[in-house]
Amino acid sequence: MRGANRQTFQPLPLIERGMTVRKTGDGPSSWATWAVVGRPRGAPWSTWGTLDGAYVGGQERKHVVGGKPLWMMRRLASDYSREGDLVCDPCMGAGTTLVAAVELGRRAVGCEPDAGRFEMACKRLAKSRPQLRMRLDVEAVRGEQSGWAMPRGGE
């Protein structure tokens, strides 16, 4: 996928050795999770060189089913952003990507429609960086988060 100022790369396999199947008798374990990453086009990003074509590591405790290990998200944030850059996670779950990003000195923004997971992510972020200034753009609507919209004309 190509945008005017962005480059999105082919999906990367993230191999978590020993990851188990979700169902009993589900067949062979799939140790792979796939991530789609991107970064801006042009200098200075084009001079970073060749990055790993896969990430391989061990099994780690997850905070939610389907969550990603912290080592994995640290590697992705480290390879695809630099200190001060903004890391976005549109489906943040328990916030592992955001925790990895702020630990590496990145700015981070994420969304999560599940109120319980959103609360868990906020607690994890506060614990990982107690001095972190968080802004929660949340409006309670029947227990769900709602987004915000720019007024017409971008004002």
N, C-alpha and C. Protein backbone atom coordinates (compact mmCIF):
# COMPACT_ATOMS: atom_id res chain seq x y z
N MET A 1 0.86 -1.17 0.00
CA MET A 1 0.00 0.00 0.00
C MET A 1 0.90 1.23 0.00
N ARG A 2 0.58 2.20 -0.81
CA ARG A 2 1.41 3.40 -0.90
C ARG A 2 0.56 4.62 -0.64
N GLY A 3 1.06 5.47 0.22
CA GLY A 3 0.45 6.76 0.47
C GLY A 3 1.39 7.82 -0.03
N ALA A 4 0.95 9.04 -0.08
CA ALA A 4 1.78 10.13 -0.58
C ALA A 4 3.08 10.25 0.21
N ASN A 5 3.03 10.13 1.53
CA ASN A 5 4.21 10.32 2.35
C ASN A 5 4.52 9.13 3.25
N ARG A 6 3.91 7.98 2.98
CA ARG A 6 4.11 6.81 3.83
C ARG A 6 4.43 5.60 2.98
N GLN A 7 5.11 4.66 3.62
CA GLN A 7 5.35 3.37 3.00
C GLN A 7 4.91 2.31 3.98
N THR A 8 4.04 1.41 3.54
CA THR A 8 3.63 0.27 4.34
C THR A 8 4.29 -0.95 3.74
N PHE A 9 4.89 -1.76 4.58
CA PHE A 9 5.66 -2.91 4.12
C PHE A 9 4.83 -4.18 4.15
N GLN A 10 5.36 -5.22 3.49
CA GLN A 10 4.68 -6.52 3.50
C GLN A 10 4.57 -7.01 4.93
N PRO A 11 3.59 -7.86 5.23
CA PRO A 11 3.46 -8.37 6.59
C PRO A 11 4.73 -9.09 7.06
N LEU A 12 5.09 -8.86 8.32
CA LEU A 12 6.26 -9.48 8.93
C LEU A 12 5.83 -10.62 9.83
N PRO A 13 6.48 -11.79 9.72
CA PRO A 13 6.18 -12.85 10.66
C PRO A 13 6.88 -12.58 11.99
N LEU A 14 6.14 -12.71 13.07
CA LEU A 14 6.67 -12.56 14.42
C LEU A 14 6.53 -13.93 15.06
N ILE A 15 7.64 -14.59 15.26
CA ILE A 15 7.63 -15.97 15.72
C ILE A 15 7.85 -16.01 17.23
N GLU A 16 6.88 -16.59 17.92
CA GLU A 16 6.95 -16.74 19.36
C GLU A 16 7.07 -18.23 19.65
N ARG A 17 8.30 -18.70 19.85
CA ARG A 17 8.55 -20.13 20.07
C ARG A 17 7.76 -20.63 21.28
N GLY A 18 7.06 -21.73 21.09
CA GLY A 18 6.32 -22.34 22.18
C GLY A 18 4.92 -21.82 22.36
N MET A 19 4.49 -20.86 21.51
CA MET A 19 3.13 -20.36 21.63
C MET A 19 2.17 -21.53 21.43
N THR A 20 1.14 -21.61 22.25
CA THR A 20 0.22 -22.74 22.19
C THR A 20 -1.00 -22.40 21.34
N VAL A 21 -1.69 -23.45 20.94
CA VAL A 21 -2.92 -23.26 20.18
C VAL A 21 -4.01 -22.77 21.12
N ARG A 22 -5.04 -22.17 20.58
CA ARG A 22 -6.13 -21.64 21.40
C ARG A 22 -7.17 -22.69 21.73
N LYS A 23 -7.27 -23.74 20.94
CA LYS A 23 -8.26 -24.79 21.18
C LYS A 23 -7.56 -26.12 21.36
N THR A 24 -8.11 -26.97 22.17
CA THR A 24 -7.56 -28.31 22.34
C THR A 24 -7.78 -29.10 21.06
N GLY A 25 -6.75 -29.80 20.64
CA GLY A 25 -6.86 -30.62 19.43
C GLY A 25 -6.95 -29.80 18.16
N ASP A 26 -6.45 -28.59 18.19
CA ASP A 26 -6.55 -27.67 17.07
C ASP A 26 -5.51 -27.95 15.98
N GLY A 27 -4.68 -28.98 16.17
CA GLY A 27 -3.64 -29.27 15.20
C GLY A 27 -2.33 -28.63 15.62
N PRO A 28 -1.38 -28.52 14.69
CA PRO A 28 -0.07 -27.97 15.06
C PRO A 28 -0.18 -26.51 15.49
N SER A 29 0.67 -26.17 16.45
CA SER A 29 0.69 -24.78 16.91
C SER A 29 1.21 -23.87 15.82
N SER A 30 0.61 -22.73 15.70
CA SER A 30 1.13 -21.71 14.81
C SER A 30 1.87 -20.71 15.69
N TRP A 31 3.16 -20.66 15.55
CA TRP A 31 3.98 -19.77 16.36
C TRP A 31 4.08 -18.38 15.75
N ALA A 32 3.39 -18.16 14.65
CA ALA A 32 3.53 -16.89 13.94
C ALA A 32 2.35 -15.97 14.18
N THR A 33 2.69 -14.71 14.39
CA THR A 33 1.73 -13.61 14.38
C THR A 33 2.22 -12.72 13.24
N TRP A 34 1.33 -12.09 12.55
CA TRP A 34 1.73 -11.25 11.44
C TRP A 34 1.51 -9.79 11.80
N ALA A 35 2.48 -8.96 11.49
CA ALA A 35 2.39 -7.52 11.77
C ALA A 35 2.57 -6.75 10.48
N VAL A 36 1.79 -5.70 10.32
CA VAL A 36 1.96 -4.79 9.19
C VAL A 36 2.53 -3.50 9.76
N VAL A 37 3.68 -3.11 9.25
CA VAL A 37 4.38 -1.93 9.76
C VAL A 37 4.60 -0.94 8.63
N GLY A 38 4.84 0.29 8.99
CA GLY A 38 5.11 1.31 8.00
C GLY A 38 5.90 2.44 8.61
N ARG A 39 6.38 3.30 7.76
CA ARG A 39 7.09 4.50 8.21
C ARG A 39 7.03 5.52 7.08
N PRO A 40 7.38 6.77 7.39
CA PRO A 40 7.34 7.79 6.33
C PRO A 40 8.33 7.48 5.20
N ARG A 41 8.06 8.06 4.05
CA ARG A 41 8.96 7.92 2.90
C ARG A 41 10.06 8.97 2.95
N GLY A 42 11.12 8.71 2.23
CA GLY A 42 12.17 9.71 2.04
C GLY A 42 13.14 9.80 3.21
N ALA A 43 14.07 10.74 3.07
CA ALA A 43 15.09 10.96 4.11
C ALA A 43 14.42 11.49 5.36
N PRO A 44 14.89 11.16 6.53
CA PRO A 44 16.03 10.28 6.85
C PRO A 44 15.66 8.81 6.93
N TRP A 45 14.40 8.46 6.73
CA TRP A 45 13.96 7.09 6.93
C TRP A 45 14.51 6.13 5.89
N SER A 46 14.82 6.59 4.71
CA SER A 46 15.32 5.70 3.67
C SER A 46 16.76 5.27 3.92
N THR A 47 17.43 5.85 4.89
CA THR A 47 18.83 5.51 5.15
C THR A 47 18.99 4.57 6.33
N TRP A 48 17.90 3.98 6.82
CA TRP A 48 18.00 3.08 7.97
C TRP A 48 18.58 1.73 7.61
N GLY A 49 18.63 1.40 6.36
CA GLY A 49 19.18 0.12 5.95
C GLY A 49 18.14 -0.99 5.99
N THR A 50 18.61 -2.19 5.74
CA THR A 50 17.74 -3.36 5.72
C THR A 50 17.41 -3.80 7.14
N LEU A 51 16.15 -4.05 7.37
CA LEU A 51 15.69 -4.50 8.68
C LEU A 51 15.38 -5.99 8.63
N ASP A 52 15.26 -6.60 9.79
CA ASP A 52 14.95 -8.03 9.86
C ASP A 52 13.68 -8.36 9.09
N GLY A 53 13.66 -9.52 8.44
CA GLY A 53 12.49 -9.97 7.71
C GLY A 53 11.55 -10.79 8.56
N ALA A 54 11.96 -11.10 9.79
CA ALA A 54 11.14 -11.82 10.76
C ALA A 54 11.74 -11.57 12.14
N TYR A 55 10.93 -11.72 13.15
CA TYR A 55 11.39 -11.57 14.53
C TYR A 55 11.09 -12.87 15.25
N VAL A 56 12.09 -13.42 15.93
CA VAL A 56 11.94 -14.70 16.60
C VAL A 56 12.33 -14.55 18.06
N GLY A 57 11.48 -15.04 18.96
CA GLY A 57 11.77 -14.97 20.38
C GLY A 57 10.95 -15.99 21.14
N GLY A 58 11.07 -15.94 22.44
CA GLY A 58 10.40 -16.92 23.30
C GLY A 58 9.01 -16.50 23.71
N GLN A 59 8.36 -17.44 24.33
CA GLN A 59 7.00 -17.25 24.82
C GLN A 59 7.03 -16.31 26.03
N GLU A 60 6.01 -15.51 26.16
CA GLU A 60 5.91 -14.54 27.25
C GLU A 60 4.46 -14.43 27.70
N ARG A 61 4.27 -14.12 28.97
CA ARG A 61 2.92 -13.96 29.53
C ARG A 61 2.19 -12.84 28.80
N LYS A 62 0.93 -13.09 28.45
CA LYS A 62 0.12 -12.08 27.78
C LYS A 62 -0.91 -11.54 28.75
N HIS A 63 -1.32 -10.34 28.56
CA HIS A 63 -2.32 -9.72 29.42
C HIS A 63 -3.74 -9.99 28.91
N VAL A 64 -3.88 -10.28 27.62
CA VAL A 64 -5.17 -10.63 27.04
C VAL A 64 -4.96 -11.71 25.99
N VAL A 65 -6.00 -12.49 25.71
CA VAL A 65 -5.92 -13.50 24.66
C VAL A 65 -5.61 -12.80 23.34
N GLY A 66 -4.65 -13.32 22.63
CA GLY A 66 -4.26 -12.73 21.36
C GLY A 66 -3.26 -11.60 21.49
N GLY A 67 -2.87 -11.28 22.72
CA GLY A 67 -1.90 -10.21 22.94
C GLY A 67 -0.53 -10.57 22.42
N LYS A 68 0.29 -9.56 22.27
CA LYS A 68 1.64 -9.75 21.76
C LYS A 68 2.65 -9.64 22.90
N PRO A 69 3.78 -10.36 22.79
CA PRO A 69 4.79 -10.25 23.83
C PRO A 69 5.49 -8.89 23.78
N LEU A 70 5.89 -8.40 24.93
CA LEU A 70 6.54 -7.10 25.02
C LEU A 70 7.85 -7.07 24.24
N TRP A 71 8.63 -8.17 24.26
CA TRP A 71 9.89 -8.18 23.51
C TRP A 71 9.64 -7.92 22.03
N MET A 72 8.54 -8.47 21.51
CA MET A 72 8.21 -8.35 20.10
C MET A 72 7.87 -6.89 19.74
N MET A 73 7.07 -6.26 20.57
CA MET A 73 6.65 -4.90 20.29
C MET A 73 7.80 -3.91 20.50
N ARG A 74 8.71 -4.20 21.43
CA ARG A 74 9.92 -3.37 21.59
C ARG A 74 10.76 -3.42 20.31
N ARG A 75 10.92 -4.61 19.76
CA ARG A 75 11.72 -4.76 18.53
C ARG A 75 11.10 -3.98 17.37
N LEU A 76 9.77 -4.11 17.21
CA LEU A 76 9.11 -3.39 16.12
C LEU A 76 9.21 -1.88 16.31
N ALA A 77 8.93 -1.41 17.52
CA ALA A 77 9.01 0.04 17.78
C ALA A 77 10.42 0.55 17.58
N SER A 78 11.40 -0.24 17.98
CA SER A 78 12.81 0.15 17.83
C SER A 78 13.23 0.22 16.36
N ASP A 79 12.79 -0.77 15.57
CA ASP A 79 13.20 -0.82 14.16
C ASP A 79 12.42 0.14 13.26
N TYR A 80 11.19 0.48 13.61
CA TYR A 80 10.36 1.27 12.71
C TYR A 80 10.05 2.67 13.21
N SER A 81 10.71 3.09 14.28
CA SER A 81 10.54 4.46 14.76
C SER A 81 11.81 4.89 15.48
N ARG A 82 11.91 6.16 15.72
CA ARG A 82 13.05 6.71 16.45
C ARG A 82 12.53 7.48 17.65
N GLU A 83 13.43 7.79 18.59
CA GLU A 83 13.04 8.52 19.79
C GLU A 83 12.29 9.79 19.39
N GLY A 84 11.15 10.02 20.06
CA GLY A 84 10.31 11.18 19.77
C GLY A 84 9.26 10.96 18.71
N ASP A 85 9.39 9.89 17.91
CA ASP A 85 8.40 9.59 16.87
C ASP A 85 7.08 9.17 17.52
N LEU A 86 6.02 9.20 16.74
CA LEU A 86 4.70 8.80 17.19
C LEU A 86 4.41 7.38 16.72
N VAL A 87 4.07 6.49 17.67
CA VAL A 87 3.69 5.11 17.38
C VAL A 87 2.18 5.01 17.59
N CYS A 88 1.48 4.52 16.57
CA CYS A 88 0.01 4.42 16.63
C CYS A 88 -0.40 2.95 16.66
N ASP A 89 -1.33 2.64 17.54
CA ASP A 89 -1.89 1.30 17.62
C ASP A 89 -3.41 1.42 17.65
N PRO A 90 -4.07 1.21 16.51
CA PRO A 90 -5.52 1.42 16.43
C PRO A 90 -6.34 0.36 17.16
N CYS A 91 -5.74 -0.76 17.53
CA CYS A 91 -6.43 -1.82 18.27
C CYS A 91 -5.51 -2.24 19.40
N MET A 92 -5.41 -1.39 20.44
CA MET A 92 -4.34 -1.53 21.42
C MET A 92 -4.53 -2.62 22.45
N GLY A 93 -5.70 -3.21 22.59
CA GLY A 93 -5.88 -4.28 23.55
C GLY A 93 -5.40 -3.85 24.93
N ALA A 94 -4.43 -4.60 25.48
CA ALA A 94 -3.89 -4.31 26.81
C ALA A 94 -2.75 -3.29 26.76
N GLY A 95 -2.46 -2.73 25.59
CA GLY A 95 -1.50 -1.64 25.49
C GLY A 95 -0.04 -2.02 25.35
N THR A 96 0.26 -3.26 24.97
CA THR A 96 1.65 -3.70 24.90
C THR A 96 2.48 -2.85 23.94
N THR A 97 1.93 -2.53 22.78
CA THR A 97 2.67 -1.70 21.82
C THR A 97 2.95 -0.32 22.40
N LEU A 98 1.98 0.26 23.08
CA LEU A 98 2.17 1.59 23.67
C LEU A 98 3.18 1.55 24.80
N VAL A 99 3.15 0.51 25.62
CA VAL A 99 4.13 0.36 26.70
C VAL A 99 5.54 0.29 26.10
N ALA A 100 5.71 -0.54 25.07
CA ALA A 100 7.02 -0.66 24.41
C ALA A 100 7.46 0.69 23.85
N ALA A 101 6.54 1.40 23.22
CA ALA A 101 6.89 2.68 22.61
C ALA A 101 7.35 3.71 23.65
N VAL A 102 6.61 3.88 24.72
CA VAL A 102 7.00 4.89 25.71
C VAL A 102 8.27 4.49 26.44
N GLU A 103 8.49 3.18 26.64
CA GLU A 103 9.74 2.74 27.25
C GLU A 103 10.94 3.10 26.38
N LEU A 104 10.73 3.18 25.07
CA LEU A 104 11.80 3.51 24.13
C LEU A 104 11.86 4.99 23.79
N GLY A 105 11.08 5.81 24.50
CA GLY A 105 11.14 7.25 24.27
C GLY A 105 10.32 7.74 23.09
N ARG A 106 9.34 6.95 22.67
CA ARG A 106 8.44 7.37 21.59
C ARG A 106 7.18 7.97 22.20
N ARG A 107 6.48 8.75 21.41
CA ARG A 107 5.13 9.18 21.77
C ARG A 107 4.21 8.06 21.29
N ALA A 108 3.07 7.89 21.93
CA ALA A 108 2.20 6.78 21.57
C ALA A 108 0.74 7.18 21.65
N VAL A 109 -0.04 6.65 20.73
CA VAL A 109 -1.48 6.88 20.74
C VAL A 109 -2.15 5.56 20.35
N GLY A 110 -3.27 5.27 21.02
CA GLY A 110 -3.97 4.04 20.70
C GLY A 110 -5.45 4.16 20.96
N CYS A 111 -6.20 3.23 20.43
CA CYS A 111 -7.65 3.17 20.62
C CYS A 111 -8.02 1.75 21.03
N GLU A 112 -9.04 1.65 21.84
CA GLU A 112 -9.54 0.34 22.24
C GLU A 112 -11.01 0.47 22.61
N PRO A 113 -11.91 -0.22 21.88
CA PRO A 113 -13.34 -0.10 22.17
C PRO A 113 -13.78 -0.86 23.42
N ASP A 114 -13.01 -1.87 23.85
CA ASP A 114 -13.37 -2.64 25.04
C ASP A 114 -12.93 -1.88 26.28
N ALA A 115 -13.88 -1.44 27.09
CA ALA A 115 -13.57 -0.59 28.25
C ALA A 115 -12.64 -1.27 29.25
N GLY A 116 -12.79 -2.57 29.45
CA GLY A 116 -11.93 -3.30 30.38
C GLY A 116 -10.50 -3.35 29.91
N ARG A 117 -10.31 -3.62 28.62
CA ARG A 117 -8.95 -3.65 28.07
C ARG A 117 -8.34 -2.25 28.06
N PHE A 118 -9.17 -1.25 27.76
CA PHE A 118 -8.69 0.13 27.77
C PHE A 118 -8.17 0.50 29.16
N GLU A 119 -8.93 0.15 30.19
CA GLU A 119 -8.51 0.44 31.56
C GLU A 119 -7.22 -0.30 31.90
N MET A 120 -7.11 -1.56 31.47
CA MET A 120 -5.90 -2.33 31.69
C MET A 120 -4.70 -1.66 31.03
N ALA A 121 -4.88 -1.19 29.79
CA ALA A 121 -3.80 -0.52 29.08
C ALA A 121 -3.36 0.74 29.80
N CYS A 122 -4.31 1.51 30.29
CA CYS A 122 -3.98 2.74 31.02
C CYS A 122 -3.17 2.43 32.27
N LYS A 123 -3.55 1.39 33.01
CA LYS A 123 -2.81 1.00 34.21
C LYS A 123 -1.40 0.53 33.87
N ARG A 124 -1.27 -0.23 32.80
CA ARG A 124 0.06 -0.70 32.40
C ARG A 124 0.95 0.46 31.98
N LEU A 125 0.39 1.41 31.26
CA LEU A 125 1.18 2.58 30.86
C LEU A 125 1.61 3.39 32.06
N ALA A 126 0.71 3.60 33.00
CA ALA A 126 1.04 4.37 34.20
C ALA A 126 2.11 3.66 35.02
N LYS A 127 2.04 2.33 35.06
CA LYS A 127 3.02 1.56 35.83
C LYS A 127 4.39 1.57 35.15
N SER A 128 4.42 1.48 33.84
CA SER A 128 5.69 1.43 33.11
C SER A 128 6.40 2.79 33.11
N ARG A 129 5.64 3.85 33.14
CA ARG A 129 6.20 5.20 33.16
C ARG A 129 5.35 6.06 34.07
N PRO A 130 5.61 6.02 35.39
CA PRO A 130 4.76 6.76 36.33
C PRO A 130 4.73 8.26 36.04
N GLN A 131 5.80 8.79 35.44
CA GLN A 131 5.83 10.22 35.15
C GLN A 131 5.14 10.56 33.83
N LEU A 132 4.64 9.54 33.15
CA LEU A 132 4.00 9.73 31.85
C LEU A 132 2.76 10.60 31.97
N ARG A 133 2.67 11.56 31.11
CA ARG A 133 1.47 12.41 31.07
C ARG A 133 0.52 11.79 30.05
N MET A 134 -0.63 11.38 30.51
CA MET A 134 -1.60 10.76 29.63
C MET A 134 -2.79 11.68 29.45
N ARG A 135 -3.30 11.68 28.26
CA ARG A 135 -4.54 12.39 27.98
C ARG A 135 -5.53 11.36 27.49
N LEU A 136 -6.59 11.20 28.21
CA LEU A 136 -7.60 10.23 27.84
C LEU A 136 -8.77 10.95 27.20
N ASP A 137 -8.94 10.74 25.93
CA ASP A 137 -10.07 11.33 25.21
C ASP A 137 -11.20 10.31 25.22
N VAL A 138 -11.89 10.26 26.34
CA VAL A 138 -12.94 9.27 26.52
C VAL A 138 -14.21 9.97 26.94
N GLU A 139 -15.29 9.55 26.33
CA GLU A 139 -16.60 10.04 26.73
C GLU A 139 -17.45 8.81 26.96
N ALA A 140 -17.94 8.66 28.17
CA ALA A 140 -18.72 7.47 28.50
C ALA A 140 -20.08 7.51 27.80
N VAL A 141 -20.33 6.50 27.01
CA VAL A 141 -21.61 6.35 26.33
C VAL A 141 -22.01 4.90 26.51
N ARG A 142 -22.93 4.65 27.44
CA ARG A 142 -23.38 3.29 27.74
C ARG A 142 -22.19 2.34 27.94
N GLY A 143 -21.17 2.82 28.67
CA GLY A 143 -20.03 1.97 28.99
C GLY A 143 -19.00 1.83 27.89
N GLU A 144 -19.20 2.52 26.79
CA GLU A 144 -18.23 2.42 25.70
C GLU A 144 -17.51 3.74 25.53
N GLN A 145 -16.36 3.66 24.90
CA GLN A 145 -15.64 4.87 24.57
C GLN A 145 -16.20 5.42 23.27
N SER A 146 -16.10 6.70 23.12
CA SER A 146 -16.50 7.28 21.85
C SER A 146 -15.34 8.10 21.32
N GLY A 147 -15.31 8.29 20.04
CA GLY A 147 -14.26 9.07 19.42
C GLY A 147 -14.62 10.54 19.40
N TRP A 148 -13.79 11.30 18.78
CA TRP A 148 -14.07 12.72 18.61
C TRP A 148 -13.98 13.02 17.13
N ALA A 149 -14.60 14.07 16.73
CA ALA A 149 -14.59 14.45 15.32
C ALA A 149 -14.18 15.90 15.18
N MET A 150 -13.47 16.19 14.12
CA MET A 150 -13.10 17.57 13.83
C MET A 150 -14.35 18.30 13.35
N PRO A 151 -14.57 19.54 13.79
CA PRO A 151 -15.68 20.31 13.26
C PRO A 151 -15.51 20.51 11.76
N ARG A 152 -16.59 20.79 11.09
CA ARG A 152 -16.51 21.04 9.65
C ARG A 152 -15.55 22.20 9.38
N GLY A 153 -14.81 22.05 8.33
CA GLY A 153 -13.84 23.09 7.97
C GLY A 153 -12.52 22.94 8.71
N GLY A 154 -12.38 21.88 9.55
CA GLY A 154 -11.14 21.64 10.26
C GLY A 154 -10.82 22.65 11.35
N GLU A 155 -11.82 23.37 11.83
CA GLU A 155 -11.57 24.38 12.84
C GLU A 155 -11.44 23.79 14.22
